[in-house]
Amino acid sequence: MVRRSMSGMRSSTTNTWFESLKNKGAIFVEDLSEVPPLAVTVFSAHGVARSVEEEAAVRSLPVLNATCLW
């Protein structure tokens, strides 16, 4: 999962959510270069830069876009 850095900004609810996903095998990264080849990649609700989307496409990463539509 690629997400923006939120250092020191996570609430206890958010920490629980992150820990739950980590316990299920999710790996959180700060940069797409950290994503292994062919790993399913989830873009966070806060979105990512167009260049990140383009890099994922070039690398043929399967992407789940969880970006908010609002």
PDB file of N, CA and C in Angstrom:
ATOM      1  N   MET A   1       0.848  -1.170   0.000  1.00  0.00           N
ATOM      2  CA  MET A   1       0.000   0.000   0.000  1.00  0.00           C
ATOM      3  C   MET A   1       0.887   1.225   0.000  1.00  0.00           C
ATOM      4  N   VAL A   2       0.611   2.118  -0.879  1.00  0.00           N
ATOM      5  CA  VAL A   2       1.358   3.376  -0.915  1.00  0.00           C
ATOM      6  C   VAL A   2       0.500   4.428  -0.221  1.00  0.00           C
ATOM      7  N   ARG A   3       1.087   5.149   0.689  1.00  0.00           N
ATOM      8  CA  ARG A   3       0.349   6.190   1.393  1.00  0.00           C
ATOM      9  C   ARG A   3       1.265   7.366   1.642  1.00  0.00           C
ATOM     10  N   ARG A   4       0.652   8.493   1.878  1.00  0.00           N
ATOM     11  CA  ARG A   4       1.445   9.672   2.232  1.00  0.00           C
ATOM     12  C   ARG A   4       1.900   9.533   3.675  1.00  0.00           C
ATOM     13  N   SER A   5       3.020  10.113   3.992  1.00  0.00           N
ATOM     14  CA  SER A   5       3.530  10.076   5.354  1.00  0.00           C
ATOM     15  C   SER A   5       2.595  10.847   6.272  1.00  0.00           C
ATOM     16  N   MET A   6       2.280  10.252   7.411  1.00  0.00           N
ATOM     17  CA  MET A   6       1.402  10.885   8.387  1.00  0.00           C
ATOM     18  C   MET A   6       2.068  10.845   9.756  1.00  0.00           C
ATOM     19  N   SER A   7       3.373  10.984   9.809  1.00  0.00           N
ATOM     20  CA  SER A   7       4.139  10.890  11.044  1.00  0.00           C
ATOM     21  C   SER A   7       3.509  11.726  12.146  1.00  0.00           C
ATOM     22  N   GLY A   8       3.221  11.066  13.257  1.00  0.00           N
ATOM     23  CA  GLY A   8       2.698  11.762  14.420  1.00  0.00           C
ATOM     24  C   GLY A   8       1.272  12.245  14.280  1.00  0.00           C
ATOM     25  N   MET A   9       0.591  11.919  13.195  1.00  0.00           N
ATOM     26  CA  MET A   9      -0.749  12.432  12.974  1.00  0.00           C
ATOM     27  C   MET A   9      -1.826  11.354  13.102  1.00  0.00           C
ATOM     28  N   ARG A  10      -1.454  10.127  13.407  1.00  0.00           N
ATOM     29  CA  ARG A  10      -2.428   9.047  13.463  1.00  0.00           C
ATOM     30  C   ARG A  10      -3.179   9.050  14.787  1.00  0.00           C
ATOM     31  N   SER A  11      -4.481   8.896  14.709  1.00  0.00           N
ATOM     32  CA  SER A  11      -5.283   8.755  15.916  1.00  0.00           C
ATOM     33  C   SER A  11      -5.227   7.303  16.360  1.00  0.00           C
ATOM     34  N   SER A  12      -5.752   6.998  17.551  1.00  0.00           N
ATOM     35  CA  SER A  12      -5.745   5.612  18.011  1.00  0.00           C
ATOM     36  C   SER A  12      -6.595   4.740  17.096  1.00  0.00           C
ATOM     37  N   THR A  13      -7.672   5.295  16.519  1.00  0.00           N
ATOM     38  CA  THR A  13      -8.500   4.547  15.575  1.00  0.00           C
ATOM     39  C   THR A  13      -7.709   4.214  14.325  1.00  0.00           C
ATOM     40  N   THR A  14      -6.967   5.185  13.810  1.00  0.00           N
ATOM     41  CA  THR A  14      -6.154   4.962  12.619  1.00  0.00           C
ATOM     42  C   THR A  14      -5.061   3.947  12.912  1.00  0.00           C
ATOM     43  N   ASN A  15      -4.426   4.035  14.076  1.00  0.00           N
ATOM     44  CA  ASN A  15      -3.392   3.064  14.448  1.00  0.00           C
ATOM     45  C   ASN A  15      -3.966   1.657  14.473  1.00  0.00           C
ATOM     46  N   THR A  16      -5.175   1.502  15.014  1.00  0.00           N
ATOM     47  CA  THR A  16      -5.825   0.196  15.058  1.00  0.00           C
ATOM     48  C   THR A  16      -6.069  -0.311  13.650  1.00  0.00           C
ATOM     49  N   TRP A  17      -6.497   0.571  12.760  1.00  0.00           N
ATOM     50  CA  TRP A  17      -6.763   0.208  11.370  1.00  0.00           C
ATOM     51  C   TRP A  17      -5.485  -0.249  10.682  1.00  0.00           C
ATOM     52  N   PHE A  18      -4.400   0.519  10.859  1.00  0.00           N
ATOM     53  CA  PHE A  18      -3.110   0.147  10.264  1.00  0.00           C
ATOM     54  C   PHE A  18      -2.633  -1.187  10.819  1.00  0.00           C
ATOM     55  N   GLU A  19      -2.712  -1.357  12.125  1.00  0.00           N
ATOM     56  CA  GLU A  19      -2.256  -2.604  12.749  1.00  0.00           C
ATOM     57  C   GLU A  19      -3.078  -3.793  12.261  1.00  0.00           C
ATOM     58  N   SER A  20      -4.373  -3.606  12.103  1.00  0.00           N
ATOM     59  CA  SER A  20      -5.233  -4.678  11.601  1.00  0.00           C
ATOM     60  C   SER A  20      -4.808  -5.107  10.202  1.00  0.00           C
ATOM     61  N   LEU A  21      -4.556  -4.141   9.334  1.00  0.00           N
ATOM     62  CA  LEU A  21      -4.115  -4.464   7.971  1.00  0.00           C
ATOM     63  C   LEU A  21      -2.730  -5.099   7.977  1.00  0.00           C
ATOM     64  N   LYS A  22      -1.831  -4.591   8.807  1.00  0.00           N
ATOM     65  CA  LYS A  22      -0.493  -5.173   8.886  1.00  0.00           C
ATOM     66  C   LYS A  22      -0.559  -6.618   9.357  1.00  0.00           C
ATOM     67  N   ASN A  23      -1.438  -6.901  10.321  1.00  0.00           N
ATOM     68  CA  ASN A  23      -1.604  -8.265  10.817  1.00  0.00           C
ATOM     69  C   ASN A  23      -2.156  -9.204   9.748  1.00  0.00           C
ATOM     70  N   LYS A  24      -2.794  -8.640   8.743  1.00  0.00           N
ATOM     71  CA  LYS A  24      -3.336  -9.436   7.634  1.00  0.00           C
ATOM     72  C   LYS A  24      -2.359  -9.523   6.472  1.00  0.00           C
ATOM     73  N   GLY A  25      -1.168  -8.945   6.638  1.00  0.00           N
ATOM     74  CA  GLY A  25      -0.131  -9.067   5.624  1.00  0.00           C
ATOM     75  C   GLY A  25       0.127  -7.830   4.789  1.00  0.00           C
ATOM     76  N   ALA A  26      -0.603  -6.739   5.035  1.00  0.00           N
ATOM     77  CA  ALA A  26      -0.364  -5.509   4.271  1.00  0.00           C
ATOM     78  C   ALA A  26       0.994  -4.929   4.660  1.00  0.00           C
ATOM     79  N   ILE A  27       1.684  -4.400   3.674  1.00  0.00           N
ATOM     80  CA  ILE A  27       2.966  -3.736   3.891  1.00  0.00           C
ATOM     81  C   ILE A  27       2.800  -2.295   3.446  1.00  0.00           C
ATOM     82  N   PHE A  28       3.078  -1.354   4.324  1.00  0.00           N
ATOM     83  CA  PHE A  28       2.947   0.066   4.021  1.00  0.00           C
ATOM     84  C   PHE A  28       4.299   0.611   3.592  1.00  0.00           C
ATOM     85  N   VAL A  29       4.309   1.355   2.500  1.00  0.00           N
ATOM     86  CA  VAL A  29       5.545   1.919   1.974  1.00  0.00           C
ATOM     87  C   VAL A  29       5.363   3.414   1.742  1.00  0.00           C
ATOM     88  N   GLU A  30       6.465   4.099   1.696  1.00  0.00           N
ATOM     89  CA  GLU A  30       6.446   5.535   1.420  1.00  0.00           C
ATOM     90  C   GLU A  30       6.704   5.817  -0.050  1.00  0.00           C
ATOM     91  N   ASP A  31       7.316   4.855  -0.758  1.00  0.00           N
ATOM     92  CA  ASP A  31       7.695   5.072  -2.139  1.00  0.00           C
ATOM     93  C   ASP A  31       7.397   3.817  -2.948  1.00  0.00           C
ATOM     94  N   LEU A  32       6.899   3.995  -4.152  1.00  0.00           N
ATOM     95  CA  LEU A  32       6.521   2.865  -5.001  1.00  0.00           C
ATOM     96  C   LEU A  32       7.703   1.948  -5.303  1.00  0.00           C
ATOM     97  N   SER A  33       8.911   2.460  -5.249  1.00  0.00           N
ATOM     98  CA  SER A  33      10.090   1.632  -5.505  1.00  0.00           C
ATOM     99  C   SER A  33      10.241   0.522  -4.469  1.00  0.00           C
ATOM    100  N   GLU A  34       9.577   0.660  -3.323  1.00  0.00           N
ATOM    101  CA  GLU A  34       9.626  -0.353  -2.264  1.00  0.00           C
ATOM    102  C   GLU A  34       8.660  -1.516  -2.521  1.00  0.00           C
ATOM    103  N   VAL A  35       7.772  -1.380  -3.501  1.00  0.00           N
ATOM    104  CA  VAL A  35       6.776  -2.410  -3.786  1.00  0.00           C
ATOM    105  C   VAL A  35       7.424  -3.503  -4.631  1.00  0.00           C
ATOM    106  N   PRO A  36       7.328  -4.770  -4.177  1.00  0.00           N
ATOM    107  CA  PRO A  36       7.913  -5.871  -4.948  1.00  0.00           C
ATOM    108  C   PRO A  36       7.210  -6.038  -6.298  1.00  0.00           C
ATOM    109  N   PRO A  37       7.901  -6.619  -7.288  1.00  0.00           N
ATOM    110  CA  PRO A  37       7.290  -6.855  -8.598  1.00  0.00           C
ATOM    111  C   PRO A  37       5.994  -7.656  -8.475  1.00  0.00           C
ATOM    112  N   LEU A  38       4.976  -7.212  -9.204  1.00  0.00           N
ATOM    113  CA  LEU A  38       3.668  -7.867  -9.295  1.00  0.00           C
ATOM    114  C   LEU A  38       2.862  -7.889  -8.000  1.00  0.00           C
ATOM    115  N   ALA A  39       3.302  -7.155  -6.978  1.00  0.00           N
ATOM    116  CA  ALA A  39       2.535  -7.091  -5.737  1.00  0.00           C
ATOM    117  C   ALA A  39       1.308  -6.203  -5.942  1.00  0.00           C
ATOM    118  N   VAL A  40       0.176  -6.635  -5.411  1.00  0.00           N
ATOM    119  CA  VAL A  40      -1.029  -5.803  -5.465  1.00  0.00           C
ATOM    120  C   VAL A  40      -0.740  -4.532  -4.683  1.00  0.00           C
ATOM    121  N   THR A  41      -1.049  -3.402  -5.299  1.00  0.00           N
ATOM    122  CA  THR A  41      -0.747  -2.098  -4.723  1.00  0.00           C
ATOM    123  C   THR A  41      -2.048  -1.333  -4.508  1.00  0.00           C
ATOM    124  N   VAL A  42      -2.239  -0.827  -3.290  1.00  0.00           N
ATOM    125  CA  VAL A  42      -3.444  -0.062  -2.963  1.00  0.00           C
ATOM    126  C   VAL A  42      -3.043   1.388  -2.767  1.00  0.00           C
ATOM    127  N   PHE A  43      -3.682   2.272  -3.543  1.00  0.00           N
ATOM    128  CA  PHE A  43      -3.455   3.707  -3.355  1.00  0.00           C
ATOM    129  C   PHE A  43      -4.421   4.191  -2.290  1.00  0.00           C
ATOM    130  N   SER A  44      -3.905   4.922  -1.326  1.00  0.00           N
ATOM    131  CA  SER A  44      -4.699   5.344  -0.174  1.00  0.00           C
ATOM    132  C   SER A  44      -5.823   6.305  -0.538  1.00  0.00           C
ATOM    133  N   ALA A  45      -6.709   6.474   0.421  1.00  0.00           N
ATOM    134  CA  ALA A  45      -7.872   7.349   0.232  1.00  0.00           C
ATOM    135  C   ALA A  45      -7.465   8.789  -0.048  1.00  0.00           C
ATOM    136  N   HIS A  46      -6.250   9.165   0.333  1.00  0.00           N
ATOM    137  CA  HIS A  46      -5.796  10.537   0.111  1.00  0.00           C
ATOM    138  C   HIS A  46      -5.178  10.737  -1.260  1.00  0.00           C
ATOM    139  N   GLY A  47      -5.028   9.649  -1.994  1.00  0.00           N
ATOM    140  CA  GLY A  47      -4.545   9.735  -3.364  1.00  0.00           C
ATOM    141  C   GLY A  47      -3.038   9.777  -3.491  1.00  0.00           C
ATOM    142  N   VAL A  48      -2.602   9.642  -4.715  1.00  0.00           N
ATOM    143  CA  VAL A  48      -1.175   9.686  -5.040  1.00  0.00           C
ATOM    144  C   VAL A  48      -0.999  10.567  -6.270  1.00  0.00           C
ATOM    145  N   ALA A  49       0.223  10.973  -6.511  1.00  0.00           N
ATOM    146  CA  ALA A  49       0.527  11.799  -7.682  1.00  0.00           C
ATOM    147  C   ALA A  49       0.331  10.994  -8.963  1.00  0.00           C
ATOM    148  N   ARG A  50       0.001  11.680 -10.028  1.00  0.00           N
ATOM    149  CA  ARG A  50      -0.173  11.028 -11.335  1.00  0.00           C
ATOM    150  C   ARG A  50       1.082  10.248 -11.713  1.00  0.00           C
ATOM    151  N   SER A  51       2.257  10.768 -11.368  1.00  0.00           N
ATOM    152  CA  SER A  51       3.511  10.077 -11.691  1.00  0.00           C
ATOM    153  C   SER A  51       3.601   8.715 -10.998  1.00  0.00           C
ATOM    154  N   VAL A  52       3.023   8.586  -9.807  1.00  0.00           N
ATOM    155  CA  VAL A  52       3.015   7.298  -9.101  1.00  0.00           C
ATOM    156  C   VAL A  52       2.106   6.317  -9.844  1.00  0.00           C
ATOM    157  N   GLU A  53       0.947   6.788 -10.271  1.00  0.00           N
ATOM    158  CA  GLU A  53       0.044   5.945 -11.054  1.00  0.00           C
ATOM    159  C   GLU A  53       0.733   5.482 -12.335  1.00  0.00           C
ATOM    160  N   GLU A  54       1.433   6.400 -12.991  1.00  0.00           N
ATOM    161  CA  GLU A  54       2.121   6.063 -14.242  1.00  0.00           C
ATOM    162  C   GLU A  54       3.244   5.059 -14.008  1.00  0.00           C
ATOM    163  N   GLU A  55       3.999   5.231 -12.915  1.00  0.00           N
ATOM    164  CA  GLU A  55       5.073   4.284 -12.603  1.00  0.00           C
ATOM    165  C   GLU A  55       4.507   2.894 -12.325  1.00  0.00           C
ATOM    166  N   ALA A  56       3.392   2.832 -11.614  1.00  0.00           N
ATOM    167  CA  ALA A  56       2.755   1.540 -11.335  1.00  0.00           C
ATOM    168  C   ALA A  56       2.333   0.867 -12.640  1.00  0.00           C
ATOM    169  N   ALA A  57       1.815   1.652 -13.564  1.00  0.00           N
ATOM    170  CA  ALA A  57       1.405   1.103 -14.863  1.00  0.00           C
ATOM    171  C   ALA A  57       2.608   0.584 -15.641  1.00  0.00           C
ATOM    172  N   VAL A  58       3.702   1.345 -15.657  1.00  0.00           N
ATOM    173  CA  VAL A  58       4.916   0.922 -16.359  1.00  0.00           C
ATOM    174  C   VAL A  58       5.434  -0.390 -15.771  1.00  0.00           C
ATOM    175  N   ARG A  59       5.332  -0.529 -14.443  1.00  0.00           N
ATOM    176  CA  ARG A  59       5.808  -1.746 -13.768  1.00  0.00           C
ATOM    177  C   ARG A  59       4.788  -2.873 -13.808  1.00  0.00           C
ATOM    178  N   SER A  60       3.613  -2.636 -14.408  1.00  0.00           N
ATOM    179  CA  SER A  60       2.532  -3.622 -14.497  1.00  0.00           C
ATOM    180  C   SER A  60       2.078  -4.119 -13.125  1.00  0.00           C
ATOM    181  N   LEU A  61       2.069  -3.210 -12.151  1.00  0.00           N
ATOM    182  CA  LEU A  61       1.586  -3.572 -10.819  1.00  0.00           C
ATOM    183  C   LEU A  61       0.063  -3.610 -10.819  1.00  0.00           C
ATOM    184  N   PRO A  62      -0.527  -4.657 -10.260  1.00  0.00           N
ATOM    185  CA  PRO A  62      -1.982  -4.649 -10.107  1.00  0.00           C
ATOM    186  C   PRO A  62      -2.341  -3.587  -9.063  1.00  0.00           C
ATOM    187  N   VAL A  63      -3.234  -2.675  -9.399  1.00  0.00           N
ATOM    188  CA  VAL A  63      -3.552  -1.545  -8.525  1.00  0.00           C
ATOM    189  C   VAL A  63      -5.015  -1.567  -8.113  1.00  0.00           C
ATOM    190  N   LEU A  64      -5.240  -1.345  -6.812  1.00  0.00           N
ATOM    191  CA  LEU A  64      -6.577  -1.071  -6.283  1.00  0.00           C
ATOM    192  C   LEU A  64      -6.548   0.391  -5.857  1.00  0.00           C
ATOM    193  N   ASN A  65      -7.341   1.196  -6.511  1.00  0.00           N
ATOM    194  CA  ASN A  65      -7.335   2.627  -6.208  1.00  0.00           C
ATOM    195  C   ASN A  65      -8.429   2.924  -5.183  1.00  0.00           C
ATOM    196  N   ALA A  66      -8.015   3.193  -3.952  1.00  0.00           N
ATOM    197  CA  ALA A  66      -8.953   3.477  -2.857  1.00  0.00           C
ATOM    198  C   ALA A  66      -9.099   4.971  -2.621  1.00  0.00           C
ATOM    199  N   THR A  67      -8.742   5.766  -3.624  1.00  0.00           N
ATOM    200  CA  THR A  67      -8.821   7.223  -3.496  1.00  0.00           C
ATOM    201  C   THR A  67     -10.271   7.675  -3.401  1.00  0.00           C
ATOM    202  N   CYS A  68     -10.535   8.582  -2.477  1.00  0.00           N
ATOM    203  CA  CYS A  68     -11.877   9.156  -2.318  1.00  0.00           C
ATOM    204  C   CYS A  68     -12.265   9.881  -3.608  1.00  0.00           C
ATOM    205  N   LEU A  69     -13.522   9.800  -3.955  1.00  0.00           N
ATOM    206  CA  LEU A  69     -14.002  10.502  -5.136  1.00  0.00           C
ATOM    207  C   LEU A  69     -14.414  11.936  -4.811  1.00  0.00           C
ATOM    208  N   TRP A  70     -14.471  12.276  -3.570  1.00  0.00           N
ATOM    209  CA  TRP A  70     -14.965  13.605  -3.179  1.00  0.00           C
ATOM    210  C   TRP A  70     -13.838  14.531  -2.943  1.00  0.00           C
TER     211      TRP A  70
END
